[in-house]
PDB file of N, CA and C in Angstrom:
ATOM      1  N   MET A   1      51.228  42.956  53.136  1.00  0.00           N
ATOM      2  CA  MET A   1      50.492  42.698  51.914  1.00  0.00           C
ATOM      3  C   MET A   1      49.355  41.724  52.218  1.00  0.00           C
ATOM      4  N   ILE A   2      48.203  42.007  51.685  1.00  0.00           N
ATOM      5  CA  ILE A   2      47.044  41.145  51.899  1.00  0.00           C
ATOM      6  C   ILE A   2      47.110  39.964  50.929  1.00  0.00           C
ATOM      7  N   THR A   3      46.642  38.817  51.388  1.00  0.00           N
ATOM      8  CA  THR A   3      46.671  37.622  50.551  1.00  0.00           C
ATOM      9  C   THR A   3      45.276  37.328  50.003  1.00  0.00           C
ATOM     10  N   ALA A   4      45.238  36.493  48.978  1.00  0.00           N
ATOM     11  CA  ALA A   4      43.962  36.076  48.398  1.00  0.00           C
ATOM     12  C   ALA A   4      43.122  35.341  49.445  1.00  0.00           C
ATOM     13  N   GLU A   5      43.780  34.555  50.273  1.00  0.00           N
ATOM     14  CA  GLU A   5      43.064  33.823  51.322  1.00  0.00           C
ATOM     15  C   GLU A   5      42.388  34.793  52.283  1.00  0.00           C
ATOM     16  N   GLN A   6      43.071  35.860  52.660  1.00  0.00           N
ATOM     17  CA  GLN A   6      42.473  36.857  53.550  1.00  0.00           C
ATOM     18  C   GLN A   6      41.276  37.532  52.886  1.00  0.00           C
ATOM     19  N   LEU A   7      41.399  37.844  51.601  1.00  0.00           N
ATOM     20  CA  LEU A   7      40.288  38.463  50.882  1.00  0.00           C
ATOM     21  C   LEU A   7      39.081  37.533  50.819  1.00  0.00           C
ATOM     22  N   LEU A   8      39.330  36.265  50.578  1.00  0.00           N
ATOM     23  CA  LEU A   8      38.225  35.306  50.513  1.00  0.00           C
ATOM     24  C   LEU A   8      37.549  35.148  51.870  1.00  0.00           C
ATOM     25  N   LYS A   9      38.343  35.149  52.942  1.00  0.00           N
ATOM     26  CA  LYS A   9      37.759  35.086  54.286  1.00  0.00           C
ATOM     27  C   LYS A   9      36.922  36.329  54.561  1.00  0.00           C
ATOM     28  N   GLU A  10      37.435  37.481  54.161  1.00  0.00           N
ATOM     29  CA  GLU A  10      36.709  38.726  54.353  1.00  0.00           C
ATOM     30  C   GLU A  10      35.409  38.718  53.545  1.00  0.00           C
ATOM     31  N   ALA A  11      35.474  38.191  52.336  1.00  0.00           N
ATOM     32  CA  ALA A  11      34.274  38.100  51.503  1.00  0.00           C
ATOM     33  C   ALA A  11      33.245  37.172  52.142  1.00  0.00           C
ATOM     34  N   ALA A  12      33.710  36.061  52.716  1.00  0.00           N
ATOM     35  CA  ALA A  12      32.796  35.124  53.375  1.00  0.00           C
ATOM     36  C   ALA A  12      32.142  35.769  54.593  1.00  0.00           C
ATOM     37  N   GLU A  13      32.911  36.512  55.357  1.00  0.00           N
ATOM     38  CA  GLU A  13      32.357  37.207  56.527  1.00  0.00           C
ATOM     39  C   GLU A  13      31.339  38.263  56.103  1.00  0.00           C
ATOM     40  N   LEU A  14      31.645  38.992  55.045  1.00  0.00           N
ATOM     41  CA  LEU A  14      30.725  40.002  54.535  1.00  0.00           C
ATOM     42  C   LEU A  14      29.433  39.355  54.053  1.00  0.00           C
ATOM     43  N   LYS A  15      29.541  38.226  53.352  1.00  0.00           N
ATOM     44  CA  LYS A  15      28.359  37.519  52.865  1.00  0.00           C
ATOM     45  C   LYS A  15      27.491  37.077  54.033  1.00  0.00           C
ATOM     46  N   LYS A  16      28.115  36.575  55.080  1.00  0.00           N
ATOM     47  CA  LYS A  16      27.355  36.127  56.250  1.00  0.00           C
ATOM     48  C   LYS A  16      26.599  37.300  56.875  1.00  0.00           C
ATOM     49  N   LYS A  17      27.272  38.443  57.015  1.00  0.00           N
ATOM     50  CA  LYS A  17      26.620  39.626  57.585  1.00  0.00           C
ATOM     51  C   LYS A  17      25.483  40.114  56.698  1.00  0.00           C
ATOM     52  N   LYS A  18      25.711  40.103  55.380  1.00  0.00           N
ATOM     53  CA  LYS A  18      24.665  40.540  54.459  1.00  0.00           C
ATOM     54  C   LYS A  18      23.478  39.582  54.505  1.00  0.00           C
ATOM     55  N   SER A  19      23.735  38.281  54.640  1.00  0.00           N
ATOM     56  CA  SER A  19      22.657  37.300  54.713  1.00  0.00           C
ATOM     57  C   SER A  19      21.785  37.534  55.939  1.00  0.00           C
ATOM     58  N   GLU A  20      22.400  37.963  57.026  1.00  0.00           N
ATOM     59  CA  GLU A  20      21.642  38.240  58.243  1.00  0.00           C
ATOM     60  C   GLU A  20      20.684  39.404  58.050  1.00  0.00           C
ATOM     61  N   ASP A  21      21.000  40.302  57.127  1.00  0.00           N
ATOM     62  CA  ASP A  21      20.111  41.424  56.829  1.00  0.00           C
ATOM     63  C   ASP A  21      18.792  40.958  56.226  1.00  0.00           C
ATOM     64  N   TYR A  22      18.811  39.801  55.560  1.00  0.00           N
ATOM     65  CA  TYR A  22      17.599  39.303  54.918  1.00  0.00           C
ATOM     66  C   TYR A  22      16.678  38.588  55.908  1.00  0.00           C
ATOM     67  N   GLN A  23      17.206  38.208  57.065  1.00  0.00           N
ATOM     68  CA  GLN A  23      16.433  37.444  58.041  1.00  0.00           C
ATOM     69  C   GLN A  23      15.306  38.286  58.627  1.00  0.00           C
ATOM     70  N   GLY A  24      14.100  37.794  58.487  1.00  0.00           N
ATOM     71  CA  GLY A  24      12.955  38.447  59.115  1.00  0.00           C
ATOM     72  C   GLY A  24      12.408  39.644  58.369  1.00  0.00           C
ATOM     73  N   GLY A  25      12.976  39.968  57.234  1.00  0.00           N
ATOM     74  CA  GLY A  25      12.497  41.107  56.458  1.00  0.00           C
ATOM     75  C   GLY A  25      11.373  40.701  55.520  1.00  0.00           C
ATOM     76  N   THR A  26      10.856  41.667  54.821  1.00  0.00           N
ATOM     77  CA  THR A  26       9.780  41.421  53.864  1.00  0.00           C
ATOM     78  C   THR A  26      10.276  40.632  52.664  1.00  0.00           C
ATOM     79  N   TRP A  27      11.506  40.906  52.262  1.00  0.00           N
ATOM     80  CA  TRP A  27      12.041  40.316  51.040  1.00  0.00           C
ATOM     81  C   TRP A  27      13.102  39.273  51.343  1.00  0.00           C
ATOM     82  N   ALA A  28      13.086  38.203  50.590  1.00  0.00           N
ATOM     83  CA  ALA A  28      14.114  37.166  50.704  1.00  0.00           C
ATOM     84  C   ALA A  28      15.258  37.511  49.757  1.00  0.00           C
ATOM     85  N   GLU A  29      16.384  36.905  49.984  1.00  0.00           N
ATOM     86  CA  GLU A  29      17.539  37.156  49.119  1.00  0.00           C
ATOM     87  C   GLU A  29      17.199  36.843  47.662  1.00  0.00           C
ATOM     88  N   SER A  30      16.444  35.798  47.430  1.00  0.00           N
ATOM     89  CA  SER A  30      16.086  35.411  46.063  1.00  0.00           C
ATOM     90  C   SER A  30      15.242  36.473  45.359  1.00  0.00           C
ATOM     91  N   ASP A  31      14.530  37.299  46.119  1.00  0.00           N
ATOM     92  CA  ASP A  31      13.727  38.369  45.523  1.00  0.00           C
ATOM     93  C   ASP A  31      14.593  39.422  44.835  1.00  0.00           C
ATOM     94  N   TYR A  32      15.829  39.524  45.241  1.00  0.00           N
ATOM     95  CA  TYR A  32      16.736  40.496  44.638  1.00  0.00           C
ATOM     96  C   TYR A  32      17.293  40.006  43.297  1.00  0.00           C
ATOM     97  N   PHE A  33      17.055  38.734  42.999  1.00  0.00           N
ATOM     98  CA  PHE A  33      17.573  38.127  41.776  1.00  0.00           C
ATOM     99  C   PHE A  33      16.435  37.398  41.059  1.00  0.00           C
ATOM    100  N   PRO A  34      15.417  38.144  40.610  1.00  0.00           N
ATOM    101  CA  PRO A  34      14.214  37.512  40.059  1.00  0.00           C
ATOM    102  C   PRO A  34      14.436  36.764  38.746  1.00  0.00           C
ATOM    103  N   TYR A  35      15.498  37.079  38.042  1.00  0.00           N
ATOM    104  CA  TYR A  35      15.743  36.438  36.743  1.00  0.00           C
ATOM    105  C   TYR A  35      16.876  35.431  36.822  1.00  0.00           C
ATOM    106  N   LYS A  36      17.091  34.919  38.013  1.00  0.00           N
ATOM    107  CA  LYS A  36      18.106  33.891  38.273  1.00  0.00           C
ATOM    108  C   LYS A  36      19.466  34.261  37.663  1.00  0.00           C
ATOM    109  N   GLU A  37      19.942  33.429  36.716  1.00  0.00           N
ATOM    110  CA  GLU A  37      21.283  33.638  36.161  1.00  0.00           C
ATOM    111  C   GLU A  37      21.448  35.026  35.552  1.00  0.00           C
ATOM    112  N   LYS A  38      20.415  35.533  34.901  1.00  0.00           N
ATOM    113  CA  LYS A  38      20.520  36.853  34.277  1.00  0.00           C
ATOM    114  C   LYS A  38      20.687  37.943  35.331  1.00  0.00           C
ATOM    115  N   SER A  39      20.002  37.814  36.449  1.00  0.00           N
ATOM    116  CA  SER A  39      20.141  38.809  37.517  1.00  0.00           C
ATOM    117  C   SER A  39      21.555  38.804  38.078  1.00  0.00           C
ATOM    118  N   TYR A  40      22.076  37.607  38.334  1.00  0.00           N
ATOM    119  CA  TYR A  40      23.429  37.507  38.883  1.00  0.00           C
ATOM    120  C   TYR A  40      24.468  38.014  37.886  1.00  0.00           C
ATOM    121  N   SER A  41      24.325  37.599  36.633  1.00  0.00           N
ATOM    122  CA  SER A  41      25.324  38.021  35.658  1.00  0.00           C
ATOM    123  C   SER A  41      25.263  39.532  35.429  1.00  0.00           C
ATOM    124  N   HIS A  42      24.086  40.113  35.498  1.00  0.00           N
ATOM    125  CA  HIS A  42      23.968  41.565  35.365  1.00  0.00           C
ATOM    126  C   HIS A  42      24.671  42.265  36.524  1.00  0.00           C
ATOM    127  N   MET A  43      24.462  41.769  37.738  1.00  0.00           N
ATOM    128  CA  MET A  43      25.099  42.363  38.910  1.00  0.00           C
ATOM    129  C   MET A  43      26.627  42.253  38.805  1.00  0.00           C
ATOM    130  N   LEU A  44      27.115  41.096  38.405  1.00  0.00           N
ATOM    131  CA  LEU A  44      28.561  40.916  38.267  1.00  0.00           C
ATOM    132  C   LEU A  44      29.129  41.820  37.184  1.00  0.00           C
ATOM    133  N   HIS A  45      28.404  41.957  36.103  1.00  0.00           N
ATOM    134  CA  HIS A  45      28.861  42.825  35.016  1.00  0.00           C
ATOM    135  C   HIS A  45      28.942  44.277  35.484  1.00  0.00           C
ATOM    136  N   THR A  46      27.942  44.728  36.208  1.00  0.00           N
ATOM    137  CA  THR A  46      27.929  46.102  36.713  1.00  0.00           C
ATOM    138  C   THR A  46      29.114  46.348  37.649  1.00  0.00           C
ATOM    139  N   LYS A  47      29.359  45.395  38.548  1.00  0.00           N
ATOM    140  CA  LYS A  47      30.490  45.546  39.466  1.00  0.00           C
ATOM    141  C   LYS A  47      31.823  45.476  38.716  1.00  0.00           C
ATOM    142  N   TYR A  48      31.877  44.636  37.676  1.00  0.00           N
ATOM    143  CA  TYR A  48      33.086  44.565  36.860  1.00  0.00           C
ATOM    144  C   TYR A  48      33.370  45.914  36.203  1.00  0.00           C
ATOM    145  N   LEU A  49      32.331  46.541  35.661  1.00  0.00           N
ATOM    146  CA  LEU A  49      32.525  47.834  35.013  1.00  0.00           C
ATOM    147  C   LEU A  49      33.056  48.869  36.002  1.00  0.00           C
ATOM    148  N   ARG A  50      32.563  48.833  37.230  1.00  0.00           N
ATOM    149  CA  ARG A  50      33.055  49.761  38.246  1.00  0.00           C
ATOM    150  C   ARG A  50      34.537  49.494  38.532  1.00  0.00           C
ATOM    151  N   MET A  51      34.902  48.225  38.660  1.00  0.00           N
ATOM    152  CA  MET A  51      36.304  47.901  38.909  1.00  0.00           C
ATOM    153  C   MET A  51      37.165  48.303  37.718  1.00  0.00           C
ATOM    154  N   ARG A  52      36.660  48.085  36.522  1.00  0.00           N
ATOM    155  CA  ARG A  52      37.402  48.467  35.316  1.00  0.00           C
ATOM    156  C   ARG A  52      37.615  49.979  35.276  1.00  0.00           C
ATOM    157  N   ASN A  53      36.599  50.709  35.672  1.00  0.00           N
ATOM    158  CA  ASN A  53      36.702  52.161  35.736  1.00  0.00           C
ATOM    159  C   ASN A  53      37.805  52.580  36.713  1.00  0.00           C
ATOM    160  N   LEU A  54      37.902  51.880  37.834  1.00  0.00           N
ATOM    161  CA  LEU A  54      38.964  52.186  38.801  1.00  0.00           C
ATOM    162  C   LEU A  54      40.342  51.914  38.206  1.00  0.00           C
ATOM    163  N   VAL A  55      40.471  50.810  37.485  1.00  0.00           N
ATOM    164  CA  VAL A  55      41.756  50.465  36.872  1.00  0.00           C
ATOM    165  C   VAL A  55      42.170  51.528  35.860  1.00  0.00           C
ATOM    166  N   ASP A  56      41.210  51.978  35.075  1.00  0.00           N
ATOM    167  CA  ASP A  56      41.502  52.932  34.003  1.00  0.00           C
ATOM    168  C   ASP A  56      41.648  54.371  34.486  1.00  0.00           C
ATOM    169  N   SER A  57      41.222  54.632  35.702  1.00  0.00           N
ATOM    170  CA  SER A  57      41.236  56.013  36.188  1.00  0.00           C
ATOM    171  C   SER A  57      42.613  56.415  36.708  1.00  0.00           C
ATOM    172  N   ASN A  58      42.750  57.685  36.957  1.00  0.00           N
ATOM    173  CA  ASN A  58      43.972  58.220  37.552  1.00  0.00           C
ATOM    174  C   ASN A  58      43.826  58.392  39.057  1.00  0.00           C
ATOM    175  N   GLN A  59      42.829  57.778  39.614  1.00  0.00           N
ATOM    176  CA  GLN A  59      42.578  57.878  41.052  1.00  0.00           C
ATOM    177  C   GLN A  59      43.792  57.371  41.820  1.00  0.00           C
ATOM    178  N   LYS A  60      44.202  58.128  42.832  1.00  0.00           N
ATOM    179  CA  LYS A  60      45.427  57.789  43.560  1.00  0.00           C
ATOM    180  C   LYS A  60      45.219  56.668  44.576  1.00  0.00           C
ATOM    181  N   ASN A  61      44.097  56.658  45.265  1.00  0.00           N
ATOM    182  CA  ASN A  61      43.885  55.682  46.328  1.00  0.00           C
ATOM    183  C   ASN A  61      42.929  54.587  45.857  1.00  0.00           C
ATOM    184  N   LYS A  62      43.367  53.809  44.910  1.00  0.00           N
ATOM    185  CA  LYS A  62      42.520  52.754  44.354  1.00  0.00           C
ATOM    186  C   LYS A  62      42.326  51.597  45.319  1.00  0.00           C
ATOM    187  N   PHE A  63      43.295  51.374  46.201  1.00  0.00           N
ATOM    188  CA  PHE A  63      43.224  50.215  47.092  1.00  0.00           C
ATOM    189  C   PHE A  63      41.919  50.182  47.863  1.00  0.00           C
ATOM    190  N   TRP A  64      41.547  51.271  48.493  1.00  0.00           N
ATOM    191  CA  TRP A  64      40.325  51.274  49.305  1.00  0.00           C
ATOM    192  C   TRP A  64      39.087  51.182  48.444  1.00  0.00           C
ATOM    193  N   SER A  65      39.141  51.731  47.256  1.00  0.00           N
ATOM    194  CA  SER A  65      38.003  51.589  46.350  1.00  0.00           C
ATOM    195  C   SER A  65      37.828  50.130  45.945  1.00  0.00           C
ATOM    196  N   PHE A  66      38.923  49.449  45.688  1.00  0.00           N
ATOM    197  CA  PHE A  66      38.817  48.033  45.340  1.00  0.00           C
ATOM    198  C   PHE A  66      38.338  47.208  46.529  1.00  0.00           C
ATOM    199  N   ARG A  67      38.780  47.556  47.721  1.00  0.00           N
ATOM    200  CA  ARG A  67      38.334  46.819  48.909  1.00  0.00           C
ATOM    201  C   ARG A  67      36.826  46.928  49.089  1.00  0.00           C
ATOM    202  N   ARG A  68      36.246  48.049  48.666  1.00  0.00           N
ATOM    203  CA  ARG A  68      34.795  48.187  48.744  1.00  0.00           C
ATOM    204  C   ARG A  68      34.091  47.153  47.877  1.00  0.00           C
ATOM    205  N   TYR A  69      34.772  46.649  46.879  1.00  0.00           N
ATOM    206  CA  TYR A  69      34.167  45.700  45.953  1.00  0.00           C
ATOM    207  C   TYR A  69      34.535  44.263  46.268  1.00  0.00           C
ATOM    208  N   ILE A  70      34.941  44.028  47.501  1.00  0.00           N
ATOM    209  CA  ILE A  70      35.251  42.657  47.897  1.00  0.00           C
ATOM    210  C   ILE A  70      34.004  41.784  47.827  1.00  0.00           C
ATOM    211  N   ASN A  71      32.840  42.409  47.952  1.00  0.00           N
ATOM    212  CA  ASN A  71      31.622  41.604  47.864  1.00  0.00           C
ATOM    213  C   ASN A  71      31.399  41.057  46.458  1.00  0.00           C
ATOM    214  N   TRP A  72      32.222  41.461  45.496  1.00  0.00           N
ATOM    215  CA  TRP A  72      32.160  40.862  44.165  1.00  0.00           C
ATOM    216  C   TRP A  72      32.440  39.371  44.267  1.00  0.00           C
ATOM    217  N   TYR A  73      33.383  39.004  45.131  1.00  0.00           N
ATOM    218  CA  TYR A  73      33.666  37.586  45.349  1.00  0.00           C
ATOM    219  C   TYR A  73      32.424  36.878  45.863  1.00  0.00           C
ATOM    220  N   GLY A  74      31.759  37.505  46.824  1.00  0.00           N
ATOM    221  CA  GLY A  74      30.536  36.923  47.364  1.00  0.00           C
ATOM    222  C   GLY A  74      29.462  36.800  46.302  1.00  0.00           C
ATOM    223  N   SER A  75      29.341  37.816  45.475  1.00  0.00           N
ATOM    224  CA  SER A  75      28.354  37.786  44.396  1.00  0.00           C
ATOM    225  C   SER A  75      28.669  36.676  43.403  1.00  0.00           C
ATOM    226  N   LEU A  76      29.931  36.505  43.112  1.00  0.00           N
ATOM    227  CA  LEU A  76      30.335  35.435  42.212  1.00  0.00           C
ATOM    228  C   LEU A  76      29.980  34.075  42.807  1.00  0.00           C
ATOM    229  N   CYS A  77      30.195  33.913  44.097  1.00  0.00           N
ATOM    230  CA  CYS A  77      29.843  32.661  44.755  1.00  0.00           C
ATOM    231  C   CYS A  77      28.335  32.418  44.694  1.00  0.00           C
ATOM    232  N   LEU A  78      27.542  33.465  44.905  1.00  0.00           N
ATOM    233  CA  LEU A  78      26.091  33.320  44.789  1.00  0.00           C
ATOM    234  C   LEU A  78      25.705  32.848  43.400  1.00  0.00           C
ATOM    235  N   TYR A  79      26.332  33.412  42.392  1.00  0.00           N
ATOM    236  CA  TYR A  79      26.048  33.040  41.005  1.00  0.00           C
ATOM    237  C   TYR A  79      26.382  31.570  40.760  1.00  0.00           C
ATOM    238  N   VAL A  80      27.544  31.154  41.228  1.00  0.00           N
ATOM    239  CA  VAL A  80      27.951  29.770  41.041  1.00  0.00           C
ATOM    240  C   VAL A  80      26.964  28.822  41.729  1.00  0.00           C
ATOM    241  N   CYS A  81      26.512  29.192  42.917  1.00  0.00           N
ATOM    242  CA  CYS A  81      25.511  28.374  43.614  1.00  0.00           C
ATOM    243  C   CYS A  81      24.203  28.338  42.838  1.00  0.00           C
ATOM    244  N   CYS A  82      23.833  29.449  42.240  1.00  0.00           N
ATOM    245  CA  CYS A  82      22.594  29.519  41.478  1.00  0.00           C
ATOM    246  C   CYS A  82      22.618  28.599  40.255  1.00  0.00           C
ATOM    247  N   ILE A  83      23.746  28.514  39.592  1.00  0.00           N
ATOM    248  CA  ILE A  83      23.816  27.710  38.365  1.00  0.00           C
ATOM    249  C   ILE A  83      24.232  26.261  38.621  1.00  0.00           C
ATOM    250  N   SER A  84      24.585  25.958  39.853  1.00  0.00           N
ATOM    251  CA  SER A  84      25.010  24.581  40.180  1.00  0.00           C
ATOM    252  C   SER A  84      23.824  23.660  40.355  1.00  0.00           C
TER     253      SER A  84
END
């Protein structure tokens, strides 16, 4: 069974890899969130709706679908940093 600590570590590793994608490119990470808190909250809401859809569905293999959304934790952390 996977633990919350393992998920958080995985989310941190994913965030680090995603951050490296922004290095040297035309766009900075902040360009993806032009409306600050509203951009972050919109992204979190969209991902929440996807997760809610998975919960409500009859899909048999939900585990892997939920694992795809581990970056929700990372997105939440970005939001918290933005409003801090």
